[in-house]
Amino acid sequence: MELKVAFVIVCLWALAVTSTEAGIPKCCIKTKGEIPFRMMVKVQGWTIQHSSGPCDISALILRVKGMRKPVCAHPKVKTDLIMLQQRLKQKKQKAAY
């Protein structure tokens, strides 16, 4: 009987440890103000980190093709990134004609 109780306690402890690790957010600690053009062309997507949430600073988290870790950029980079992606899209459309 005592072995069953010990097993249940160990299982509950393991569940508590794994669930608390999953609940810790990964935040950008510092941001880059300038992102190289070569890197901006390879951006596949982004998310916005708000300072009002669990993280201390606002940031733009970029997922870049060929890079394992995301890049933390200053939120003002978003406007440059959107303009660049629009230009590349227009260029592809013109090349298709």
PDB file of N, CA and C in Angstrom:
ATOM      1  N   MET A   1       0.822  -1.200   0.000  1.00  0.00           N
ATOM      2  CA  MET A   1       0.000   0.000   0.000  1.00  0.00           C
ATOM      3  C   MET A   1       0.858   1.252   0.000  1.00  0.00           C
ATOM      4  N   GLU A   2       1.937   1.262   0.795  1.00  0.00           N
ATOM      5  CA  GLU A   2       2.801   2.428   0.873  1.00  0.00           C
ATOM      6  C   GLU A   2       3.505   2.700  -0.449  1.00  0.00           C
ATOM      7  N   LEU A   3       3.803   1.653  -1.207  1.00  0.00           N
ATOM      8  CA  LEU A   3       4.461   1.810  -2.505  1.00  0.00           C
ATOM      9  C   LEU A   3       3.542   2.530  -3.489  1.00  0.00           C
ATOM     10  N   LYS A   4       2.250   2.229  -3.444  1.00  0.00           N
ATOM     11  CA  LYS A   4       1.279   2.885  -4.325  1.00  0.00           C
ATOM     12  C   LYS A   4       1.188   4.375  -3.996  1.00  0.00           C
ATOM     13  N   VAL A   5       1.168   4.699  -2.731  1.00  0.00           N
ATOM     14  CA  VAL A   5       1.087   6.099  -2.303  1.00  0.00           C
ATOM     15  C   VAL A   5       2.343   6.851  -2.749  1.00  0.00           C
ATOM     16  N   ALA A   6       3.492   6.242  -2.577  1.00  0.00           N
ATOM     17  CA  ALA A   6       4.746   6.869  -2.997  1.00  0.00           C
ATOM     18  C   ALA A   6       4.764   7.084  -4.507  1.00  0.00           C
ATOM     19  N   PHE A   7       4.267   6.104  -5.259  1.00  0.00           N
ATOM     20  CA  PHE A   7       4.209   6.220  -6.720  1.00  0.00           C
ATOM     21  C   PHE A   7       3.295   7.363  -7.142  1.00  0.00           C
ATOM     22  N   VAL A   8       2.143   7.485  -6.528  1.00  0.00           N
ATOM     23  CA  VAL A   8       1.208   8.571  -6.842  1.00  0.00           C
ATOM     24  C   VAL A   8       1.840   9.927  -6.520  1.00  0.00           C
ATOM     25  N   ILE A   9       2.535  10.033  -5.404  1.00  0.00           N
ATOM     26  CA  ILE A   9       3.188  11.294  -5.026  1.00  0.00           C
ATOM     27  C   ILE A   9       4.258  11.665  -6.042  1.00  0.00           C
ATOM     28  N   VAL A  10       5.043  10.698  -6.465  1.00  0.00           N
ATOM     29  CA  VAL A  10       6.093  10.957  -7.465  1.00  0.00           C
ATOM     30  C   VAL A  10       5.466  11.397  -8.786  1.00  0.00           C
ATOM     31  N   CYS A  11       4.400  10.751  -9.191  1.00  0.00           N
ATOM     32  CA  CYS A  11       3.720  11.140 -10.442  1.00  0.00           C
ATOM     33  C   CYS A  11       3.154  12.552 -10.355  1.00  0.00           C
ATOM     34  N   LEU A  12       2.535  12.887  -9.249  1.00  0.00           N
ATOM     35  CA  LEU A  12       1.988  14.241  -9.079  1.00  0.00           C
ATOM     36  C   LEU A  12       3.106  15.282  -9.044  1.00  0.00           C
ATOM     37  N   TRP A  13       4.211  14.956  -8.408  1.00  0.00           N
ATOM     38  CA  TRP A  13       5.355  15.871  -8.374  1.00  0.00           C
ATOM     39  C   TRP A  13       5.902  16.095  -9.782  1.00  0.00           C
ATOM     40  N   ALA A  14       6.040  15.016 -10.563  1.00  0.00           N
ATOM     41  CA  ALA A  14       6.548  15.134 -11.934  1.00  0.00           C
ATOM     42  C   ALA A  14       5.605  15.982 -12.789  1.00  0.00           C
ATOM     43  N   LEU A  15       4.314  15.799 -12.613  1.00  0.00           N
ATOM     44  CA  LEU A  15       3.327  16.587 -13.352  1.00  0.00           C
ATOM     45  C   LEU A  15       3.419  18.067 -12.987  1.00  0.00           C
ATOM     46  N   ALA A  16       3.598  18.348 -11.705  1.00  0.00           N
ATOM     47  CA  ALA A  16       3.701  19.740 -11.257  1.00  0.00           C
ATOM     48  C   ALA A  16       4.945  20.407 -11.811  1.00  0.00           C
ATOM     49  N   VAL A  17       6.055  19.694 -11.840  1.00  0.00           N
ATOM     50  CA  VAL A  17       7.310  20.267 -12.344  1.00  0.00           C
ATOM     51  C   VAL A  17       7.209  20.553 -13.836  1.00  0.00           C
ATOM     52  N   THR A  18       6.677  19.614 -14.614  1.00  0.00           N
ATOM     53  CA  THR A  18       6.594  19.822 -16.059  1.00  0.00           C
ATOM     54  C   THR A  18       5.589  20.902 -16.421  1.00  0.00           C
ATOM     55  N   SER A  19       4.496  21.013 -15.688  1.00  0.00           N
ATOM     56  CA  SER A  19       3.493  22.029 -16.023  1.00  0.00           C
ATOM     57  C   SER A  19       3.976  23.430 -15.657  1.00  0.00           C
ATOM     58  N   THR A  20       4.776  23.581 -14.608  1.00  0.00           N
ATOM     59  CA  THR A  20       5.267  24.914 -14.260  1.00  0.00           C
ATOM     60  C   THR A  20       6.349  25.369 -15.217  1.00  0.00           C
ATOM     61  N   GLU A  21       7.163  24.466 -15.748  1.00  0.00           N
ATOM     62  CA  GLU A  21       8.181  24.846 -16.730  1.00  0.00           C
ATOM     63  C   GLU A  21       7.534  25.309 -18.018  1.00  0.00           C
ATOM     64  N   ALA A  22       6.422  24.701 -18.390  1.00  0.00           N
ATOM     65  CA  ALA A  22       5.741  25.091 -19.612  1.00  0.00           C
ATOM     66  C   ALA A  22       5.064  26.443 -19.459  1.00  0.00           C
ATOM     67  N   GLY A  23       4.776  26.854 -18.228  1.00  0.00           N
ATOM     68  CA  GLY A  23       4.093  28.109 -17.996  1.00  0.00           C
ATOM     69  C   GLY A  23       5.009  29.312 -17.940  1.00  0.00           C
ATOM     70  N   ILE A  24       6.319  29.116 -17.955  1.00  0.00           N
ATOM     71  CA  ILE A  24       7.255  30.234 -17.893  1.00  0.00           C
ATOM     72  C   ILE A  24       7.428  30.803 -19.303  1.00  0.00           C
ATOM     73  N   PRO A  25       7.073  32.069 -19.519  1.00  0.00           N
ATOM     74  CA  PRO A  25       7.189  32.640 -20.862  1.00  0.00           C
ATOM     75  C   PRO A  25       8.651  32.905 -21.236  1.00  0.00           C
ATOM     76  N   LYS A  26       8.934  32.829 -22.519  1.00  0.00           N
ATOM     77  CA  LYS A  26      10.266  33.166 -23.020  1.00  0.00           C
ATOM     78  C   LYS A  26      10.185  34.594 -23.542  1.00  0.00           C
ATOM     79  N   CYS A  27      10.898  35.477 -22.889  1.00  0.00           N
ATOM     80  CA  CYS A  27      10.837  36.895 -23.207  1.00  0.00           C
ATOM     81  C   CYS A  27      12.152  37.381 -23.815  1.00  0.00           C
ATOM     82  N   CYS A  28      12.041  38.403 -24.645  1.00  0.00           N
ATOM     83  CA  CYS A  28      13.223  39.085 -25.142  1.00  0.00           C
ATOM     84  C   CYS A  28      13.747  39.979 -24.023  1.00  0.00           C
ATOM     85  N   ILE A  29      15.042  39.911 -23.788  1.00  0.00           N
ATOM     86  CA  ILE A  29      15.659  40.731 -22.751  1.00  0.00           C
ATOM     87  C   ILE A  29      16.140  42.050 -23.330  1.00  0.00           C
ATOM     88  N   LYS A  30      16.645  41.995 -24.577  1.00  0.00           N
ATOM     89  CA  LYS A  30      17.076  43.207 -25.264  1.00  0.00           C
ATOM     90  C   LYS A  30      16.700  43.090 -26.738  1.00  0.00           C
ATOM     91  N   THR A  31      16.644  44.222 -27.408  1.00  0.00           N
ATOM     92  CA  THR A  31      16.235  44.234 -28.807  1.00  0.00           C
ATOM     93  C   THR A  31      17.303  44.869 -29.685  1.00  0.00           C
ATOM     94  N   LYS A  32      17.249  44.506 -30.951  1.00  0.00           N
ATOM     95  CA  LYS A  32      18.134  45.109 -31.946  1.00  0.00           C
ATOM     96  C   LYS A  32      17.352  46.218 -32.651  1.00  0.00           C
ATOM     97  N   GLY A  33      17.967  47.368 -32.779  1.00  0.00           N
ATOM     98  CA  GLY A  33      17.305  48.484 -33.448  1.00  0.00           C
ATOM     99  C   GLY A  33      17.407  48.409 -34.959  1.00  0.00           C
ATOM    100  N   GLU A  34      18.503  47.857 -35.442  1.00  0.00           N
ATOM    101  CA  GLU A  34      18.729  47.725 -36.880  1.00  0.00           C
ATOM    102  C   GLU A  34      18.844  46.241 -37.226  1.00  0.00           C
ATOM    103  N   ILE A  35      18.112  45.822 -38.235  1.00  0.00           N
ATOM    104  CA  ILE A  35      18.164  44.444 -38.714  1.00  0.00           C
ATOM    105  C   ILE A  35      18.735  44.491 -40.138  1.00  0.00           C
ATOM    106  N   PRO A  36      19.751  43.685 -40.430  1.00  0.00           N
ATOM    107  CA  PRO A  36      20.329  43.681 -41.778  1.00  0.00           C
ATOM    108  C   PRO A  36      19.297  43.301 -42.841  1.00  0.00           C
ATOM    109  N   PHE A  37      19.467  43.873 -44.026  1.00  0.00           N
ATOM    110  CA  PHE A  37      18.540  43.633 -45.136  1.00  0.00           C
ATOM    111  C   PHE A  37      18.458  42.141 -45.463  1.00  0.00           C
ATOM    112  N   ARG A  38      19.600  41.458 -45.491  1.00  0.00           N
ATOM    113  CA  ARG A  38      19.616  40.026 -45.815  1.00  0.00           C
ATOM    114  C   ARG A  38      18.754  39.227 -44.844  1.00  0.00           C
ATOM    115  N   MET A  39      18.767  39.622 -43.587  1.00  0.00           N
ATOM    116  CA  MET A  39      17.971  38.923 -42.588  1.00  0.00           C
ATOM    117  C   MET A  39      16.490  39.270 -42.746  1.00  0.00           C
ATOM    118  N   MET A  40      16.187  40.510 -43.041  1.00  0.00           N
ATOM    119  CA  MET A  40      14.780  40.930 -43.172  1.00  0.00           C
ATOM    120  C   MET A  40      14.102  40.226 -44.341  1.00  0.00           C
ATOM    121  N   VAL A  41      14.854  39.945 -45.387  1.00  0.00           N
ATOM    122  CA  VAL A  41      14.287  39.259 -46.548  1.00  0.00           C
ATOM    123  C   VAL A  41      13.888  37.826 -46.182  1.00  0.00           C
ATOM    124  N   LYS A  42      14.586  37.238 -45.225  1.00  0.00           N
ATOM    125  CA  LYS A  42      14.345  35.843 -44.840  1.00  0.00           C
ATOM    126  C   LYS A  42      13.312  35.679 -43.728  1.00  0.00           C
ATOM    127  N   VAL A  43      12.697  36.758 -43.275  1.00  0.00           N
ATOM    128  CA  VAL A  43      11.715  36.675 -42.186  1.00  0.00           C
ATOM    129  C   VAL A  43      10.477  35.927 -42.673  1.00  0.00           C
ATOM    130  N   GLN A  44      10.113  34.882 -41.929  1.00  0.00           N
ATOM    131  CA  GLN A  44       8.941  34.080 -42.277  1.00  0.00           C
ATOM    132  C   GLN A  44       7.697  34.484 -41.496  1.00  0.00           C
ATOM    133  N   GLY A  45       7.896  35.121 -40.362  1.00  0.00           N
ATOM    134  CA  GLY A  45       6.766  35.556 -39.557  1.00  0.00           C
ATOM    135  C   GLY A  45       7.260  36.266 -38.315  1.00  0.00           C
ATOM    136  N   TRP A  46       6.327  36.874 -37.593  1.00  0.00           N
ATOM    137  CA  TRP A  46       6.699  37.579 -36.376  1.00  0.00           C
ATOM    138  C   TRP A  46       5.543  37.590 -35.393  1.00  0.00           C
ATOM    139  N   THR A  47       5.902  37.818 -34.142  1.00  0.00           N
ATOM    140  CA  THR A  47       4.918  38.015 -33.084  1.00  0.00           C
ATOM    141  C   THR A  47       5.346  39.233 -32.277  1.00  0.00           C
ATOM    142  N   ILE A  48       4.386  39.841 -31.619  1.00  0.00           N
ATOM    143  CA  ILE A  48       4.670  41.044 -30.844  1.00  0.00           C
ATOM    144  C   ILE A  48       4.671  40.677 -29.364  1.00  0.00           C
ATOM    145  N   GLN A  49       5.709  41.116 -28.670  1.00  0.00           N
ATOM    146  CA  GLN A  49       5.819  40.944 -27.223  1.00  0.00           C
ATOM    147  C   GLN A  49       5.480  42.291 -26.585  1.00  0.00           C
ATOM    148  N   HIS A  50       4.460  42.316 -25.755  1.00  0.00           N
ATOM    149  CA  HIS A  50       4.037  43.551 -25.106  1.00  0.00           C
ATOM    150  C   HIS A  50       4.645  43.672 -23.721  1.00  0.00           C
ATOM    151  N   SER A  51       4.999  44.875 -23.344  1.00  0.00           N
ATOM    152  CA  SER A  51       5.569  45.095 -22.011  1.00  0.00           C
ATOM    153  C   SER A  51       4.502  45.017 -20.924  1.00  0.00           C
ATOM    154  N   SER A  52       3.245  45.102 -21.311  1.00  0.00           N
ATOM    155  CA  SER A  52       2.170  45.030 -20.324  1.00  0.00           C
ATOM    156  C   SER A  52       1.876  43.598 -19.882  1.00  0.00           C
ATOM    157  N   GLY A  53       2.464  42.608 -20.571  1.00  0.00           N
ATOM    158  CA  GLY A  53       2.263  41.209 -20.212  1.00  0.00           C
ATOM    159  C   GLY A  53       3.323  40.740 -19.226  1.00  0.00           C
ATOM    160  N   PRO A  54       3.670  39.471 -19.296  1.00  0.00           N
ATOM    161  CA  PRO A  54       4.660  38.934 -18.360  1.00  0.00           C
ATOM    162  C   PRO A  54       6.091  39.385 -18.649  1.00  0.00           C
ATOM    163  N   CYS A  55       6.332  39.957 -19.811  1.00  0.00           N
ATOM    164  CA  CYS A  55       7.681  40.392 -20.186  1.00  0.00           C
ATOM    165  C   CYS A  55       7.885  41.871 -19.864  1.00  0.00           C
ATOM    166  N   ASP A  56       9.142  42.262 -19.660  1.00  0.00           N
ATOM    167  CA  ASP A  56       9.452  43.624 -19.220  1.00  0.00           C
ATOM    168  C   ASP A  56       9.497  44.654 -20.351  1.00  0.00           C
ATOM    169  N   ILE A  57       9.831  44.226 -21.582  1.00  0.00           N
ATOM    170  CA  ILE A  57       9.984  45.191 -22.673  1.00  0.00           C
ATOM    171  C   ILE A  57       9.108  44.807 -23.856  1.00  0.00           C
ATOM    172  N   SER A  58       8.788  45.801 -24.674  1.00  0.00           N
ATOM    173  CA  SER A  58       8.083  45.542 -25.923  1.00  0.00           C
ATOM    174  C   SER A  58       9.110  45.146 -26.974  1.00  0.00           C
ATOM    175  N   ALA A  59       8.754  44.155 -27.779  1.00  0.00           N
ATOM    176  CA  ALA A  59       9.681  43.689 -28.803  1.00  0.00           C
ATOM    177  C   ALA A  59       8.910  43.045 -29.942  1.00  0.00           C
ATOM    178  N   LEU A  60       9.588  42.935 -31.073  1.00  0.00           N
ATOM    179  CA  LEU A  60       9.071  42.231 -32.232  1.00  0.00           C
ATOM    180  C   LEU A  60       9.913  40.971 -32.372  1.00  0.00           C
ATOM    181  N   ILE A  61       9.310  39.804 -32.209  1.00  0.00           N
ATOM    182  CA  ILE A  61      10.036  38.540 -32.262  1.00  0.00           C
ATOM    183  C   ILE A  61       9.938  38.006 -33.686  1.00  0.00           C
ATOM    184  N   LEU A  62      11.078  37.973 -34.376  1.00  0.00           N
ATOM    185  CA  LEU A  62      11.133  37.568 -35.783  1.00  0.00           C
ATOM    186  C   LEU A  62      11.555  36.115 -35.909  1.00  0.00           C
ATOM    187  N   ARG A  63      10.812  35.356 -36.713  1.00  0.00           N
ATOM    188  CA  ARG A  63      11.219  33.995 -37.057  1.00  0.00           C
ATOM    189  C   ARG A  63      11.888  34.067 -38.431  1.00  0.00           C
ATOM    190  N   VAL A  64      13.188  33.792 -38.448  1.00  0.00           N
ATOM    191  CA  VAL A  64      13.994  33.956 -39.657  1.00  0.00           C
ATOM    192  C   VAL A  64      14.356  32.577 -40.205  1.00  0.00           C
ATOM    193  N   LYS A  65      14.190  32.410 -41.510  1.00  0.00           N
ATOM    194  CA  LYS A  65      14.514  31.150 -42.170  1.00  0.00           C
ATOM    195  C   LYS A  65      16.003  30.858 -42.007  1.00  0.00           C
ATOM    196  N   GLY A  66      16.314  29.642 -41.598  1.00  0.00           N
ATOM    197  CA  GLY A  66      17.700  29.228 -41.438  1.00  0.00           C
ATOM    198  C   GLY A  66      18.292  29.522 -40.076  1.00  0.00           C
ATOM    199  N   MET A  67      17.536  30.141 -39.193  1.00  0.00           N
ATOM    200  CA  MET A  67      18.025  30.436 -37.845  1.00  0.00           C
ATOM    201  C   MET A  67      17.205  29.644 -36.840  1.00  0.00           C
ATOM    202  N   ARG A  68      17.877  29.065 -35.874  1.00  0.00           N
ATOM    203  CA  ARG A  68      17.191  28.260 -34.870  1.00  0.00           C
ATOM    204  C   ARG A  68      16.468  29.130 -33.846  1.00  0.00           C
ATOM    205  N   LYS A  69      17.129  30.192 -33.408  1.00  0.00           N
ATOM    206  CA  LYS A  69      16.537  31.067 -32.402  1.00  0.00           C
ATOM    207  C   LYS A  69      15.867  32.261 -33.082  1.00  0.00           C
ATOM    208  N   PRO A  70      14.763  32.734 -32.525  1.00  0.00           N
ATOM    209  CA  PRO A  70      14.147  33.946 -33.067  1.00  0.00           C
ATOM    210  C   PRO A  70      14.997  35.177 -32.745  1.00  0.00           C
ATOM    211  N   VAL A  71      14.806  36.226 -33.527  1.00  0.00           N
ATOM    212  CA  VAL A  71      15.536  37.475 -33.349  1.00  0.00           C
ATOM    213  C   VAL A  71      14.618  38.480 -32.671  1.00  0.00           C
ATOM    214  N   CYS A  72      15.117  39.144 -31.645  1.00  0.00           N
ATOM    215  CA  CYS A  72      14.343  40.159 -30.936  1.00  0.00           C
ATOM    216  C   CYS A  72      14.677  41.525 -31.523  1.00  0.00           C
ATOM    217  N   ALA A  73      13.699  42.164 -32.120  1.00  0.00           N
ATOM    218  CA  ALA A  73      13.906  43.460 -32.751  1.00  0.00           C
ATOM    219  C   ALA A  73      13.052  44.514 -32.058  1.00  0.00           C
ATOM    220  N   HIS A  74      13.432  45.758 -32.237  1.00  0.00           N
ATOM    221  CA  HIS A  74      12.650  46.872 -31.706  1.00  0.00           C
ATOM    222  C   HIS A  74      11.321  46.928 -32.476  1.00  0.00           C
ATOM    223  N   PRO A  75      10.215  47.257 -31.824  1.00  0.00           N
ATOM    224  CA  PRO A  75       8.913  47.281 -32.498  1.00  0.00           C
ATOM    225  C   PRO A  75       8.849  48.187 -33.732  1.00  0.00           C
ATOM    226  N   LYS A  76       9.687  49.218 -33.809  1.00  0.00           N
ATOM    227  CA  LYS A  76       9.660  50.106 -34.975  1.00  0.00           C
ATOM    228  C   LYS A  76      10.118  49.395 -36.247  1.00  0.00           C
ATOM    229  N   VAL A  77      10.786  48.259 -36.125  1.00  0.00           N
ATOM    230  CA  VAL A  77      11.254  47.499 -37.284  1.00  0.00           C
ATOM    231  C   VAL A  77      10.068  46.928 -38.068  1.00  0.00           C
ATOM    232  N   LYS A  78       8.928  46.786 -37.421  1.00  0.00           N
ATOM    233  CA  LYS A  78       7.752  46.199 -38.064  1.00  0.00           C
ATOM    234  C   LYS A  78       7.328  46.984 -39.302  1.00  0.00           C
ATOM    235  N   THR A  79       7.342  48.307 -39.243  1.00  0.00           N
ATOM    236  CA  THR A  79       6.929  49.098 -40.405  1.00  0.00           C
ATOM    237  C   THR A  79       7.890  48.888 -41.573  1.00  0.00           C
ATOM    238  N   ASP A  80       9.193  48.839 -41.297  1.00  0.00           N
ATOM    239  CA  ASP A  80      10.168  48.580 -42.357  1.00  0.00           C
ATOM    240  C   ASP A  80       9.966  47.196 -42.950  1.00  0.00           C
ATOM    241  N   LEU A  81       9.680  46.239 -42.099  1.00  0.00           N
ATOM    242  CA  LEU A  81       9.494  44.864 -42.541  1.00  0.00           C
ATOM    243  C   LEU A  81       8.255  44.731 -43.426  1.00  0.00           C
ATOM    244  N   ILE A  82       7.183  45.384 -43.043  1.00  0.00           N
ATOM    245  CA  ILE A  82       5.949  45.328 -43.842  1.00  0.00           C
ATOM    246  C   ILE A  82       6.169  45.974 -45.205  1.00  0.00           C
ATOM    247  N   MET A  83       6.843  47.124 -45.227  1.00  0.00           N
ATOM    248  CA  MET A  83       7.118  47.788 -46.507  1.00  0.00           C
ATOM    249  C   MET A  83       7.996  46.909 -47.398  1.00  0.00           C
ATOM    250  N   LEU A  84       9.003  46.274 -46.836  1.00  0.00           N
ATOM    251  CA  LEU A  84       9.888  45.402 -47.608  1.00  0.00           C
ATOM    252  C   LEU A  84       9.124  44.219 -48.181  1.00  0.00           C
ATOM    253  N   GLN A  85       8.271  43.611 -47.384  1.00  0.00           N
ATOM    254  CA  GLN A  85       7.505  42.467 -47.868  1.00  0.00           C
ATOM    255  C   GLN A  85       6.522  42.868 -48.968  1.00  0.00           C
ATOM    256  N   GLN A  86       5.953  44.064 -48.873  1.00  0.00           N
ATOM    257  CA  GLN A  86       5.054  44.545 -49.931  1.00  0.00           C
ATOM    258  C   GLN A  86       5.821  44.765 -51.228  1.00  0.00           C
ATOM    259  N   ARG A  87       7.030  45.343 -51.127  1.00  0.00           N
ATOM    260  CA  ARG A  87       7.851  45.559 -52.323  1.00  0.00           C
ATOM    261  C   ARG A  87       8.242  44.234 -52.972  1.00  0.00           C
ATOM    262  N   LEU A  88       8.627  43.256 -52.167  1.00  0.00           N
ATOM    263  CA  LEU A  88       9.004  41.955 -52.709  1.00  0.00           C
ATOM    264  C   LEU A  88       7.810  41.271 -53.365  1.00  0.00           C
ATOM    265  N   LYS A  89       6.633  41.434 -52.784  1.00  0.00           N
ATOM    266  CA  LYS A  89       5.420  40.841 -53.357  1.00  0.00           C
ATOM    267  C   LYS A  89       5.097  41.482 -54.707  1.00  0.00           C
ATOM    268  N   GLN A  90       5.219  42.817 -54.790  1.00  0.00           N
ATOM    269  CA  GLN A  90       4.971  43.514 -56.049  1.00  0.00           C
ATOM    270  C   GLN A  90       5.986  43.100 -57.108  1.00  0.00           C
ATOM    271  N   LYS A  91       7.227  42.922 -56.697  1.00  0.00           N
ATOM    272  CA  LYS A  91       8.276  42.521 -57.623  1.00  0.00           C
ATOM    273  C   LYS A  91       7.996  41.136 -58.196  1.00  0.00           C
ATOM    274  N   LYS A  92       7.507  40.221 -57.362  1.00  0.00           N
ATOM    275  CA  LYS A  92       7.162  38.877 -57.820  1.00  0.00           C
ATOM    276  C   LYS A  92       5.983  38.919 -58.780  1.00  0.00           C
ATOM    277  N   GLN A  93       5.000  39.798 -58.494  1.00  0.00           N
ATOM    278  CA  GLN A  93       3.840  39.899 -59.372  1.00  0.00           C
ATOM    279  C   GLN A  93       4.231  40.456 -60.732  1.00  0.00           C
ATOM    280  N   LYS A  94       5.133  41.426 -60.757  1.00  0.00           N
ATOM    281  CA  LYS A  94       5.589  41.991 -62.031  1.00  0.00           C
ATOM    282  C   LYS A  94       6.393  40.966 -62.829  1.00  0.00           C
ATOM    283  N   ALA A  95       7.166  40.157 -62.145  1.00  0.00           N
ATOM    284  CA  ALA A  95       7.960  39.134 -62.815  1.00  0.00           C
ATOM    285  C   ALA A  95       7.069  38.030 -63.405  1.00  0.00           C
ATOM    286  N   ALA A  96       5.896  37.833 -62.837  1.00  0.00           N
ATOM    287  CA  ALA A  96       4.987  36.792 -63.304  1.00  0.00           C
ATOM    288  C   ALA A  96       4.337  37.188 -64.631  1.00  0.00           C
ATOM    289  N   TYR A  97       4.250  38.483 -64.935  1.00  0.00           N
ATOM    290  CA  TYR A  97       3.612  38.926 -66.184  1.00  0.00           C
ATOM    291  C   TYR A  97       4.516  38.820 -67.325  1.00  0.00           C
TER     292      TYR A  97
END
